[in-house]
Amino acid sequence: MDRDVLIALLAAAPEPPQACIAALQSGSSFKVFDPSAPARQFADIWRVREQIVQDAGIPTDGWHPGLESLTAAGEQPVRVGVVQVPDTRKRFKLFLSADASALVACIG
C-alpha cells in the first residue's frame, strides 16, 4: 500500500487517528499485511493485551476506542497493518477492511 493512500484512508475515517497520521506524514515505516481474518479474533487478543499494558502502567492513548471499534466489527474480515514510530517503542496497529478501503480500528 502506498503511504499517501494510507494517510488518505486514515484521514477519511469518522474519527481519524491523528497521531498515526502524523507519524506517517513524518516518515514512520509501515506495513499492511495481505491475509485477512475475522475482527473478533484480533479483538480478543488486544483486549488481553490492553489489560497487561494497563497493569504495567503504560499509557494507552486511543487504545480503548480502537478496541471497541474492532470488537463491534465482529466477524467482518480485516487486514492488519502496523506503523512504527522511529526511535521509540511506539506502534500503531491498524485494522483495515478486507479490501483495504476503510479503517476499521486503530490501536496505538
C-alpha atoms as a PDB file:
ATOM      1  CA  MET A   1       0.000   0.000   0.000  1.00  0.00           C
ATOM      2  CA  ASP A   2       1.225   3.477  -0.863  1.00  0.00           C
ATOM      3  CA  ARG A   3       1.913   5.902   2.026  1.00  0.00           C
ATOM      4  CA  ASP A   4      -0.303   8.674   0.612  1.00  0.00           C
ATOM      5  CA  VAL A   5      -3.168   6.231   0.044  1.00  0.00           C
ATOM      6  CA  LEU A   6      -2.899   5.009   3.631  1.00  0.00           C
ATOM      7  CA  ILE A   7      -2.834   8.566   5.006  1.00  0.00           C
ATOM      8  CA  ALA A   8      -5.924   9.454   2.943  1.00  0.00           C
ATOM      9  CA  LEU A   9      -7.693   6.292   4.121  1.00  0.00           C
ATOM     10  CA  LEU A  10      -6.987   7.127   7.778  1.00  0.00           C
ATOM     11  CA  ALA A  11      -7.984  10.775   7.301  1.00  0.00           C
ATOM     12  CA  ALA A  12     -11.339   9.662   5.845  1.00  0.00           C
ATOM     13  CA  ALA A  13     -12.249   7.665   8.969  1.00  0.00           C
ATOM     14  CA  PRO A  14     -15.121   9.021  11.111  1.00  0.00           C
ATOM     15  CA  GLU A  15     -12.603   9.646  13.915  1.00  0.00           C
ATOM     16  CA  PRO A  16      -9.229   9.939  12.182  1.00  0.00           C
ATOM     17  CA  PRO A  17      -6.275   8.698  14.249  1.00  0.00           C
ATOM     18  CA  GLN A  18      -4.366  11.983  14.136  1.00  0.00           C
ATOM     19  CA  ALA A  19      -1.236  10.727  15.922  1.00  0.00           C
ATOM     20  CA  CYS A  20      -0.921   7.830  13.486  1.00  0.00           C
ATOM     21  CA  ILE A  21      -1.448  10.129  10.501  1.00  0.00           C
ATOM     22  CA  ALA A  22       1.221  12.484  11.855  1.00  0.00           C
ATOM     23  CA  ALA A  23       3.623   9.561  12.283  1.00  0.00           C
ATOM     24  CA  LEU A  24       3.092   8.505   8.673  1.00  0.00           C
ATOM     25  CA  GLN A  25       3.489  12.079   7.428  1.00  0.00           C
ATOM     26  CA  SER A  26       6.802  12.347   9.275  1.00  0.00           C
ATOM     27  CA  GLY A  27       8.148   9.215   7.598  1.00  0.00           C
ATOM     28  CA  SER A  28       7.410   6.380  10.038  1.00  0.00           C
ATOM     29  CA  SER A  29       7.773   2.936   8.496  1.00  0.00           C
ATOM     30  CA  PHE A  30       4.632   0.921   7.918  1.00  0.00           C
ATOM     31  CA  LYS A  31       3.426  -2.420   6.591  1.00  0.00           C
ATOM     32  CA  VAL A  32      -0.037  -3.677   5.669  1.00  0.00           C
ATOM     33  CA  PHE A  33      -0.353  -7.446   5.523  1.00  0.00           C
ATOM     34  CA  ASP A  34      -2.393  -9.243   2.857  1.00  0.00           C
ATOM     35  CA  PRO A  35      -4.238 -12.023   4.647  1.00  0.00           C
ATOM     36  CA  SER A  36      -7.416 -11.170   6.486  1.00  0.00           C
ATOM     37  CA  ALA A  37      -9.134 -12.761   9.486  1.00  0.00           C
ATOM     38  CA  PRO A  38     -12.301 -12.028  11.473  1.00  0.00           C
ATOM     39  CA  ALA A  39     -12.045  -8.870  13.574  1.00  0.00           C
ATOM     40  CA  ARG A  40     -13.297 -10.829  16.589  1.00  0.00           C
ATOM     41  CA  GLN A  41     -10.065 -12.846  16.700  1.00  0.00           C
ATOM     42  CA  PHE A  42      -7.954  -9.703  16.925  1.00  0.00           C
ATOM     43  CA  ALA A  43     -10.314  -8.048  19.416  1.00  0.00           C
ATOM     44  CA  ASP A  44      -9.926 -10.976  21.815  1.00  0.00           C
ATOM     45  CA  ILE A  45      -6.126 -10.754  21.635  1.00  0.00           C
ATOM     46  CA  TRP A  46      -5.969  -6.960  22.015  1.00  0.00           C
ATOM     47  CA  ARG A  47      -8.410  -6.954  24.942  1.00  0.00           C
ATOM     48  CA  VAL A  48      -5.972  -9.148  26.884  1.00  0.00           C
ATOM     49  CA  ARG A  49      -3.003  -7.016  25.781  1.00  0.00           C
ATOM     50  CA  GLU A  50      -4.801  -3.861  26.888  1.00  0.00           C
ATOM     51  CA  GLN A  51      -5.138  -5.242  30.411  1.00  0.00           C
ATOM     52  CA  ILE A  52      -1.479  -6.278  30.515  1.00  0.00           C
ATOM     53  CA  VAL A  53      -0.334  -2.848  29.338  1.00  0.00           C
ATOM     54  CA  GLN A  54      -2.607  -1.026  31.802  1.00  0.00           C
ATOM     55  CA  ASP A  55      -1.392  -3.223  34.669  1.00  0.00           C
ATOM     56  CA  ALA A  56       2.177  -2.253  33.731  1.00  0.00           C
ATOM     57  CA  GLY A  57       1.234   1.431  33.908  1.00  0.00           C
ATOM     58  CA  ILE A  58       1.936   2.098  30.239  1.00  0.00           C
ATOM     59  CA  PRO A  59      -0.236   4.842  28.691  1.00  0.00           C
ATOM     60  CA  THR A  60      -2.762   3.526  26.167  1.00  0.00           C
ATOM     61  CA  ASP A  61      -3.746   6.683  24.309  1.00  0.00           C
ATOM     62  CA  GLY A  62      -6.520   5.800  21.871  1.00  0.00           C
ATOM     63  CA  TRP A  63      -6.336   2.093  22.630  1.00  0.00           C
ATOM     64  CA  HIS A  64      -9.813   1.573  24.087  1.00  0.00           C
ATOM     65  CA  PRO A  65     -11.820   3.336  21.347  1.00  0.00           C
ATOM     66  CA  GLY A  66      -9.916   1.310  18.759  1.00  0.00           C
ATOM     67  CA  LEU A  67     -10.623  -1.881  20.666  1.00  0.00           C
ATOM     68  CA  GLU A  68     -14.329  -1.010  20.838  1.00  0.00           C
ATOM     69  CA  SER A  69     -14.418  -0.490  17.052  1.00  0.00           C
ATOM     70  CA  LEU A  70     -12.595  -3.754  16.451  1.00  0.00           C
ATOM     71  CA  THR A  71     -14.977  -5.628  18.758  1.00  0.00           C
ATOM     72  CA  ALA A  72     -18.010  -4.098  17.028  1.00  0.00           C
ATOM     73  CA  ALA A  73     -16.726  -5.380  13.662  1.00  0.00           C
ATOM     74  CA  GLY A  74     -17.365  -8.955  14.867  1.00  0.00           C
ATOM     75  CA  GLU A  75     -16.910 -11.468  12.046  1.00  0.00           C
ATOM     76  CA  GLN A  76     -16.000  -8.824   9.450  1.00  0.00           C
ATOM     77  CA  PRO A  77     -12.687  -9.817   7.854  1.00  0.00           C
ATOM     78  CA  VAL A  78      -9.897  -7.314   8.495  1.00  0.00           C
ATOM     79  CA  ARG A  79      -6.337  -6.846   7.311  1.00  0.00           C
ATOM     80  CA  VAL A  80      -3.676  -5.877   9.815  1.00  0.00           C
ATOM     81  CA  GLY A  81      -1.161  -3.089   9.443  1.00  0.00           C
ATOM     82  CA  VAL A  82       1.466  -1.546  11.678  1.00  0.00           C
ATOM     83  CA  VAL A  83       3.079   1.896  11.797  1.00  0.00           C
ATOM     84  CA  GLN A  84       6.386   2.038  13.698  1.00  0.00           C
ATOM     85  CA  VAL A  85       7.397   5.424  15.102  1.00  0.00           C
ATOM     86  CA  PRO A  86      11.187   5.791  14.721  1.00  0.00           C
ATOM     87  CA  ASP A  87      13.424   5.783  17.786  1.00  0.00           C
ATOM     88  CA  THR A  88      10.577   4.720  20.072  1.00  0.00           C
ATOM     89  CA  ARG A  89       8.713   1.580  21.019  1.00  0.00           C
ATOM     90  CA  LYS A  90       5.504   3.277  19.845  1.00  0.00           C
ATOM     91  CA  ARG A  91       3.495   1.355  17.257  1.00  0.00           C
ATOM     92  CA  PHE A  92       0.055   1.898  15.848  1.00  0.00           C
ATOM     93  CA  LYS A  93      -1.857  -1.231  14.958  1.00  0.00           C
ATOM     94  CA  LEU A  94      -4.221  -0.742  12.039  1.00  0.00           C
ATOM     95  CA  PHE A  95      -7.179  -2.924  11.183  1.00  0.00           C
ATOM     96  CA  LEU A  96      -8.483  -2.282   7.678  1.00  0.00           C
ATOM     97  CA  SER A  97     -11.420  -3.721   5.777  1.00  0.00           C
ATOM     98  CA  ALA A  98     -10.503  -6.854   3.793  1.00  0.00           C
ATOM     99  CA  ASP A  99     -10.258  -4.810   0.583  1.00  0.00           C
ATOM    100  CA  ALA A 100      -8.185  -2.141   2.411  1.00  0.00           C
ATOM    101  CA  SER A 101     -10.698   0.569   1.501  1.00  0.00           C
ATOM    102  CA  ALA A 102     -11.648   1.645   5.049  1.00  0.00           C
ATOM    103  CA  LEU A 103     -10.202   1.854   8.547  1.00  0.00           C
ATOM    104  CA  VAL A 104     -11.985  -0.435  10.989  1.00  0.00           C
ATOM    105  CA  ALA A 105      -9.819   0.411  14.021  1.00  0.00           C
ATOM    106  CA  CYS A 106      -6.513   1.919  15.094  1.00  0.00           C
ATOM    107  CA  ILE A 107      -4.896   0.858  18.356  1.00  0.00           C
ATOM    108  CA  GLY A 108      -1.773   2.626  19.474  1.00  0.00           C
END
